[in-house]
PDB file of N, CA and C in Angstrom:
ATOM      1  N   MET A   1       8.462  -9.861   1.549  1.00  0.00           N
ATOM      2  CA  MET A   1       9.617  -9.729   0.746  1.00  0.00           C
ATOM      3  C   MET A   1       9.834  -7.933   0.509  1.00  0.00           C
ATOM      4  N   GLY A   2       8.523  -7.421   0.253  1.00  0.00           N
ATOM      5  CA  GLY A   2       8.345  -6.263   0.024  1.00  0.00           C
ATOM      6  C   GLY A   2       9.112  -5.605   1.291  1.00  0.00           C
ATOM      7  N   TYR A   3       8.632  -5.747   2.347  1.00  0.00           N
ATOM      8  CA  TYR A   3       8.572  -5.049   3.610  1.00  0.00           C
ATOM      9  C   TYR A   3      10.040  -5.236   3.890  1.00  0.00           C
ATOM     10  N   ARG A   4      10.546  -6.600   3.574  1.00  0.00           N
ATOM     11  CA  ARG A   4      12.180  -6.917   3.837  1.00  0.00           C
ATOM     12  C   ARG A   4      12.907  -5.897   3.290  1.00  0.00           C
ATOM     13  N   LEU A   5      13.027  -5.794   2.161  1.00  0.00           N
ATOM     14  CA  LEU A   5      13.186  -4.683   0.887  1.00  0.00           C
ATOM     15  C   LEU A   5      13.410  -3.399   1.439  1.00  0.00           C
ATOM     16  N   LEU A   6      12.142  -2.514   2.006  1.00  0.00           N
ATOM     17  CA  LEU A   6      12.513  -1.529   2.586  1.00  0.00           C
ATOM     18  C   LEU A   6      13.043  -1.083   3.819  1.00  0.00           C
ATOM     19  N   GLU A   7      12.892  -2.432   4.498  1.00  0.00           N
ATOM     20  CA  GLU A   7      13.886  -2.332   5.898  1.00  0.00           C
ATOM     21  C   GLU A   7      15.312  -2.073   5.101  1.00  0.00           C
ATOM     22  N   MET A   8      15.646  -2.932   4.032  1.00  0.00           N
ATOM     23  CA  MET A   8      16.660  -2.678   3.459  1.00  0.00           C
ATOM     24  C   MET A   8      17.455  -1.654   2.901  1.00  0.00           C
ATOM     25  N   GLU A   9      16.600  -0.469   2.911  1.00  0.00           N
ATOM     26  CA  GLU A   9      16.564   0.479   2.359  1.00  0.00           C
ATOM     27  C   GLU A   9      16.991   0.435   0.812  1.00  0.00           C
ATOM     28  N   LYS A  10      16.132  -0.432   0.101  1.00  0.00           N
ATOM     29  CA  LYS A  10      16.039  -0.874  -1.086  1.00  0.00           C
ATOM     30  C   LYS A  10      14.681  -0.827  -1.942  1.00  0.00           C
ATOM     31  N   ALA A  11      14.306   0.843  -1.782  1.00  0.00           N
ATOM     32  CA  ALA A  11      13.137   0.749  -2.348  1.00  0.00           C
ATOM     33  C   ALA A  11      12.638   0.700  -3.214  1.00  0.00           C
ATOM     34  N   ASP A  12      13.354   0.611  -4.449  1.00  0.00           N
ATOM     35  CA  ASP A  12      13.052   0.350  -5.807  1.00  0.00           C
ATOM     36  C   ASP A  12      12.556  -0.935  -6.345  1.00  0.00           C
ATOM     37  N   PHE A  13      13.554  -1.803  -5.121  1.00  0.00           N
ATOM     38  CA  PHE A  13      13.027  -3.379  -5.544  1.00  0.00           C
ATOM     39  C   PHE A  13      11.931  -3.558  -4.830  1.00  0.00           C
ATOM     40  N   ALA A  14      11.392  -2.933  -3.492  1.00  0.00           N
ATOM     41  CA  ALA A  14      10.160  -3.141  -3.204  1.00  0.00           C
ATOM     42  C   ALA A  14       9.141  -2.652  -3.435  1.00  0.00           C
ATOM     43  N   GLY A  15       9.333  -2.002  -4.314  1.00  0.00           N
ATOM     44  CA  GLY A  15       8.487  -1.131  -5.027  1.00  0.00           C
ATOM     45  C   GLY A  15       8.004  -2.150  -5.688  1.00  0.00           C
ATOM     46  N   GLN A  16       9.108  -2.634  -6.715  1.00  0.00           N
ATOM     47  CA  GLN A  16       8.635  -3.331  -7.983  1.00  0.00           C
ATOM     48  C   GLN A  16       7.681  -5.133  -7.517  1.00  0.00           C
ATOM     49  N   ILE A  17       8.058  -5.034  -5.958  1.00  0.00           N
ATOM     50  CA  ILE A  17       7.288  -7.007  -5.685  1.00  0.00           C
ATOM     51  C   ILE A  17       5.984  -5.979  -5.242  1.00  0.00           C
ATOM     52  N   PHE A  18       5.761  -4.904  -4.735  1.00  0.00           N
ATOM     53  CA  PHE A  18       4.569  -4.619  -4.504  1.00  0.00           C
ATOM     54  C   PHE A  18       3.665  -4.411  -5.815  1.00  0.00           C
ATOM     55  N   LYS A  19       3.954  -3.892  -6.815  1.00  0.00           N
ATOM     56  CA  LYS A  19       3.306  -3.752  -7.729  1.00  0.00           C
ATOM     57  C   LYS A  19       3.150  -5.438  -8.282  1.00  0.00           C
ATOM     58  N   MET A  20       4.239  -5.941  -8.529  1.00  0.00           N
ATOM     59  CA  MET A  20       4.041  -7.509  -8.685  1.00  0.00           C
ATOM     60  C   MET A  20       2.813  -7.636  -8.290  1.00  0.00           C
ATOM     61  N   ASN A  21       2.874  -7.743  -6.863  1.00  0.00           N
ATOM     62  CA  ASN A  21       1.797  -8.642  -6.108  1.00  0.00           C
ATOM     63  C   ASN A  21       0.486  -8.134  -6.592  1.00  0.00           C
ATOM     64  N   VAL A  22       0.576  -6.857  -6.710  1.00  0.00           N
ATOM     65  CA  VAL A  22      -1.188  -6.171  -6.986  1.00  0.00           C
ATOM     66  C   VAL A  22      -1.379  -6.826  -8.441  1.00  0.00           C
ATOM     67  N   ASP A  23      -0.379  -6.858  -9.622  1.00  0.00           N
ATOM     68  CA  ASP A  23      -0.794  -7.602 -10.894  1.00  0.00           C
ATOM     69  C   ASP A  23      -1.053  -9.347 -10.322  1.00  0.00           C
ATOM     70  N   TYR A  24      -0.744  -9.685  -9.821  1.00  0.00           N
ATOM     71  CA  TYR A  24      -0.869 -11.235  -9.563  1.00  0.00           C
ATOM     72  C   TYR A  24      -2.226 -11.811  -8.520  1.00  0.00           C
ATOM     73  N   TYR A  25      -2.746 -10.545  -7.895  1.00  0.00           N
ATOM     74  CA  TYR A  25      -3.923 -10.783  -7.234  1.00  0.00           C
ATOM     75  C   TYR A  25      -4.706  -9.521  -7.135  1.00  0.00           C
ATOM     76  N   PRO A  26      -4.867  -8.875  -7.704  1.00  0.00           N
ATOM     77  CA  PRO A  26      -5.942  -7.625  -7.885  1.00  0.00           C
ATOM     78  C   PRO A  26      -7.000  -7.506  -6.906  1.00  0.00           C
ATOM     79  N   LYS A  27      -7.657  -8.680  -6.852  1.00  0.00           N
ATOM     80  CA  LYS A  27      -8.501  -9.039  -5.465  1.00  0.00           C
ATOM     81  C   LYS A  27      -8.692  -8.850  -4.667  1.00  0.00           C
ATOM     82  N   SER A  28      -7.040  -8.871  -4.118  1.00  0.00           N
ATOM     83  CA  SER A  28      -6.823  -9.006  -2.633  1.00  0.00           C
ATOM     84  C   SER A  28      -6.144  -7.407  -1.829  1.00  0.00           C
ATOM     85  N   VAL A  29      -7.437  -7.582  -0.992  1.00  0.00           N
ATOM     86  CA  VAL A  29      -7.350  -6.097  -0.086  1.00  0.00           C
ATOM     87  C   VAL A  29      -5.559  -5.911   0.499  1.00  0.00           C
ATOM     88  N   ASN A  30      -5.579  -6.915   0.847  1.00  0.00           N
ATOM     89  CA  ASN A  30      -4.040  -7.144   1.273  1.00  0.00           C
ATOM     90  C   ASN A  30      -2.530  -6.375   0.638  1.00  0.00           C
ATOM     91  N   VAL A  31      -3.103  -6.731  -0.690  1.00  0.00           N
ATOM     92  CA  VAL A  31      -1.787  -6.079  -1.582  1.00  0.00           C
ATOM     93  C   VAL A  31      -2.251  -4.749  -2.058  1.00  0.00           C
ATOM     94  N   TYR A  32      -2.830  -4.305  -2.072  1.00  0.00           N
ATOM     95  CA  TYR A  32      -3.289  -2.704  -2.037  1.00  0.00           C
ATOM     96  C   TYR A  32      -2.874  -2.235  -0.960  1.00  0.00           C
ATOM     97  N   ASP A  33      -3.254  -3.150   0.055  1.00  0.00           N
ATOM     98  CA  ASP A  33      -2.923  -2.104   1.283  1.00  0.00           C
ATOM     99  C   ASP A  33      -1.253  -2.089   1.659  1.00  0.00           C
ATOM    100  N   SER A  34      -0.722  -3.172   1.485  1.00  0.00           N
ATOM    101  CA  SER A  34       0.851  -2.709   1.401  1.00  0.00           C
ATOM    102  C   SER A  34       1.386  -1.960   0.360  1.00  0.00           C
ATOM    103  N   LEU A  35       0.626  -1.889  -0.661  1.00  0.00           N
ATOM    104  CA  LEU A  35       1.295  -1.358  -1.945  1.00  0.00           C
ATOM    105  C   LEU A  35       1.103   0.276  -1.769  1.00  0.00           C
ATOM    106  N   GLY A  36      -0.115   0.606  -0.554  1.00  0.00           N
ATOM    107  CA  GLY A  36      -0.243   1.758   0.018  1.00  0.00           C
ATOM    108  C   GLY A  36       1.055   2.171   1.168  1.00  0.00           C
ATOM    109  N   ASP A  37       1.008   1.406   1.623  1.00  0.00           N
ATOM    110  CA  ASP A  37       2.676   1.454   2.999  1.00  0.00           C
ATOM    111  C   ASP A  37       3.447   1.601   1.964  1.00  0.00           C
ATOM    112  N   PHE A  38       4.031   0.994   1.336  1.00  0.00           N
ATOM    113  CA  PHE A  38       5.296   1.287   0.288  1.00  0.00           C
ATOM    114  C   PHE A  38       4.888   2.718  -0.076  1.00  0.00           C
ATOM    115  N   TYR A  39       3.978   3.183  -0.717  1.00  0.00           N
ATOM    116  CA  TYR A  39       3.882   4.790  -0.887  1.00  0.00           C
ATOM    117  C   TYR A  39       4.266   5.574   0.220  1.00  0.00           C
ATOM    118  N   LEU A  40       3.576   4.838   1.087  1.00  0.00           N
ATOM    119  CA  LEU A  40       4.032   6.237   2.149  1.00  0.00           C
ATOM    120  C   LEU A  40       5.086   6.322   2.840  1.00  0.00           C
ATOM    121  N   ALA A  41       5.814   5.024   2.205  1.00  0.00           N
ATOM    122  CA  ALA A  41       7.296   4.684   2.817  1.00  0.00           C
ATOM    123  C   ALA A  41       8.138   5.659   1.711  1.00  0.00           C
ATOM    124  N   SER A  42       7.358   5.803   0.889  1.00  0.00           N
ATOM    125  CA  SER A  42       8.233   6.564  -0.257  1.00  0.00           C
ATOM    126  C   SER A  42       7.726   8.525  -0.620  1.00  0.00           C
ATOM    127  N   LYS A  43       6.928   8.585   0.822  1.00  0.00           N
ATOM    128  CA  LYS A  43       6.504  10.054   1.016  1.00  0.00           C
ATOM    129  C   LYS A  43       5.888  10.688  -0.058  1.00  0.00           C
ATOM    130  N   ASN A  44       4.503   9.177  -0.690  1.00  0.00           N
ATOM    131  CA  ASN A  44       4.054   9.243  -1.866  1.00  0.00           C
ATOM    132  C   ASN A  44       2.667   9.614  -1.444  1.00  0.00           C
ATOM    133  N   LYS A  45       2.155  10.430  -0.639  1.00  0.00           N
ATOM    134  CA  LYS A  45       0.825  10.404  -0.087  1.00  0.00           C
ATOM    135  C   LYS A  45      -0.347  10.223  -0.752  1.00  0.00           C
ATOM    136  N   ASP A  46      -0.451  10.942  -2.173  1.00  0.00           N
ATOM    137  CA  ASP A  46      -1.844  10.705  -3.216  1.00  0.00           C
ATOM    138  C   ASP A  46      -1.683   9.048  -3.239  1.00  0.00           C
ATOM    139  N   LYS A  47      -0.502   8.432  -3.839  1.00  0.00           N
ATOM    140  CA  LYS A  47      -0.404   7.300  -4.316  1.00  0.00           C
ATOM    141  C   LYS A  47      -0.247   6.073  -3.410  1.00  0.00           C
ATOM    142  N   ALA A  48      -0.666   6.587  -1.861  1.00  0.00           N
ATOM    143  CA  ALA A  48      -0.899   5.461  -0.767  1.00  0.00           C
ATOM    144  C   ALA A  48      -2.273   5.713  -0.594  1.00  0.00           C
ATOM    145  N   ILE A  49      -2.838   6.830  -1.094  1.00  0.00           N
ATOM    146  CA  ILE A  49      -4.220   6.977  -0.367  1.00  0.00           C
ATOM    147  C   ILE A  49      -5.304   6.378  -1.459  1.00  0.00           C
ATOM    148  N   GLY A  50      -4.922   6.777  -2.561  1.00  0.00           N
ATOM    149  CA  GLY A  50      -4.900   6.042  -3.977  1.00  0.00           C
ATOM    150  C   GLY A  50      -5.345   4.180  -3.858  1.00  0.00           C
ATOM    151  N   SER A  51      -4.110   3.662  -2.935  1.00  0.00           N
ATOM    152  CA  SER A  51      -3.957   2.557  -2.845  1.00  0.00           C
ATOM    153  C   SER A  51      -4.751   2.248  -1.609  1.00  0.00           C
ATOM    154  N   PHE A  52      -5.037   2.912  -0.620  1.00  0.00           N
ATOM    155  CA  PHE A  52      -5.562   2.641   0.774  1.00  0.00           C
ATOM    156  C   PHE A  52      -7.460   2.431   0.100  1.00  0.00           C
ATOM    157  N   LYS A  53      -7.598   3.064  -0.865  1.00  0.00           N
ATOM    158  CA  LYS A  53      -9.147   3.234  -1.151  1.00  0.00           C
ATOM    159  C   LYS A  53      -9.028   1.794  -2.115  1.00  0.00           C
ATOM    160  N   LYS A  54      -8.261   1.605  -2.907  1.00  0.00           N
ATOM    161  CA  LYS A  54      -8.573   0.616  -3.761  1.00  0.00           C
ATOM    162  C   LYS A  54      -8.543  -0.619  -2.832  1.00  0.00           C
ATOM    163  N   ALA A  55      -8.221  -0.616  -1.555  1.00  0.00           N
ATOM    164  CA  ALA A  55      -8.349  -2.094  -0.744  1.00  0.00           C
ATOM    165  C   ALA A  55      -9.680  -1.972  -0.042  1.00  0.00           C
ATOM    166  N   LEU A  56     -10.070  -0.495   0.393  1.00  0.00           N
ATOM    167  CA  LEU A  56     -11.309  -0.387   0.353  1.00  0.00           C
ATOM    168  C   LEU A  56     -12.433  -0.776  -0.354  1.00  0.00           C
ATOM    169  N   ALA A  57     -12.377  -0.719  -1.427  1.00  0.00           N
ATOM    170  CA  ALA A  57     -13.381  -0.960  -2.321  1.00  0.00           C
ATOM    171  C   ALA A  57     -13.482  -2.343  -3.050  1.00  0.00           C
ATOM    172  N   ILE A  58     -12.518  -3.483  -2.214  1.00  0.00           N
ATOM    173  CA  ILE A  58     -12.790  -4.219  -2.642  1.00  0.00           C
ATOM    174  C   ILE A  58     -13.261  -5.472  -1.436  1.00  0.00           C
ATOM    175  N   LYS A  59     -12.982  -4.453  -0.172  1.00  0.00           N
ATOM    176  CA  LYS A  59     -13.949  -5.164   1.151  1.00  0.00           C
ATOM    177  C   LYS A  59     -13.387  -3.965   2.208  1.00  0.00           C
ATOM    178  N   GLU A  60     -14.177  -3.179   2.863  1.00  0.00           N
ATOM    179  CA  GLU A  60     -13.472  -2.704   4.487  1.00  0.00           C
ATOM    180  C   GLU A  60     -12.994  -3.418   5.088  1.00  0.00           C
ATOM    181  N   ASN A  61     -12.263  -2.524   5.436  1.00  0.00           N
ATOM    182  CA  ASN A  61     -11.194  -3.405   6.306  1.00  0.00           C
ATOM    183  C   ASN A  61     -10.891  -2.431   7.753  1.00  0.00           C
ATOM    184  N   PRO A  62     -10.327  -2.509   8.941  1.00  0.00           N
ATOM    185  CA  PRO A  62      -9.982  -1.261   9.445  1.00  0.00           C
ATOM    186  C   PRO A  62      -8.435  -1.215   9.086  1.00  0.00           C
ATOM    187  N   ASP A  63      -7.374  -1.534   8.508  1.00  0.00           N
ATOM    188  CA  ASP A  63      -6.405  -1.026   9.032  1.00  0.00           C
ATOM    189  C   ASP A  63      -6.306  -0.102   7.667  1.00  0.00           C
ATOM    190  N   SER A  64      -7.374  -0.177   6.452  1.00  0.00           N
ATOM    191  CA  SER A  64      -6.901   0.492   5.231  1.00  0.00           C
ATOM    192  C   SER A  64      -7.819   2.047   5.954  1.00  0.00           C
ATOM    193  N   ARG A  65      -8.994   1.488   6.757  1.00  0.00           N
ATOM    194  CA  ARG A  65      -9.663   2.625   7.294  1.00  0.00           C
ATOM    195  C   ARG A  65      -9.238   3.581   8.260  1.00  0.00           C
ATOM    196  N   LYS A  66      -8.241   3.152   8.569  1.00  0.00           N
ATOM    197  CA  LYS A  66      -7.708   3.987   9.612  1.00  0.00           C
ATOM    198  C   LYS A  66      -6.134   4.801   8.956  1.00  0.00           C
ATOM    199  N   LYS A  67      -5.554   3.874   8.043  1.00  0.00           N
ATOM    200  CA  LYS A  67      -4.608   4.863   7.377  1.00  0.00           C
ATOM    201  C   LYS A  67      -4.978   5.914   6.405  1.00  0.00           C
ATOM    202  N   ILE A  68      -6.437   5.171   6.215  1.00  0.00           N
ATOM    203  CA  ILE A  68      -7.222   6.761   5.148  1.00  0.00           C
ATOM    204  C   ILE A  68      -7.230   7.950   6.234  1.00  0.00           C
ATOM    205  N   ASP A  69      -8.220   7.301   6.984  1.00  0.00           N
ATOM    206  CA  ASP A  69      -8.640   8.294   7.891  1.00  0.00           C
ATOM    207  C   ASP A  69      -7.861   9.696   8.704  1.00  0.00           C
ATOM    208  N   ASP A  70      -6.369   8.547   8.823  1.00  0.00           N
ATOM    209  CA  ASP A  70      -5.071   9.056   9.445  1.00  0.00           C
ATOM    210  C   ASP A  70      -4.251  10.325   8.251  1.00  0.00           C
ATOM    211  N   LEU A  71      -4.269  10.308   7.191  1.00  0.00           N
ATOM    212  CA  LEU A  71      -3.713  10.872   6.194  1.00  0.00           C
ATOM    213  C   LEU A  71      -4.704  11.788   5.754  1.00  0.00           C
ATOM    214  N   THR A  72      -6.325  11.640   5.486  1.00  0.00           N
ATOM    215  CA  THR A  72      -7.000  12.638   5.586  1.00  0.00           C
ATOM    216  C   THR A  72      -7.332  13.353   6.297  1.00  0.00           C
ATOM    217  N   SER A  73      -7.377  13.370   7.550  1.00  0.00           N
ATOM    218  CA  SER A  73      -7.461  14.237   8.766  1.00  0.00           C
ATOM    219  C   SER A  73      -6.438  15.183   8.410  1.00  0.00           C
ATOM    220  N   ASN A  74      -5.119  15.242   7.752  1.00  0.00           N
ATOM    221  CA  ASN A  74      -4.006  16.026   8.483  1.00  0.00           C
ATOM    222  C   ASN A  74      -4.398  17.218   7.424  1.00  0.00           C
TER     223      ASN A  74
END
């Protein structure tokens, strides 16, 4: 739903959905990775990196790792 709201250019509502998912599922890699995607779409690189790092702290995964590597190599 969050990604769909981003596509509809409703970033405020999308952010609420992504943050709500983190509140409900704090041990899920996916919710932090998705929140990072939201922050990237919102042009907030620092928060995006923080979310991807949280995802990696839960469990190493190639998607979050690549996103962090791409963001920190520039």
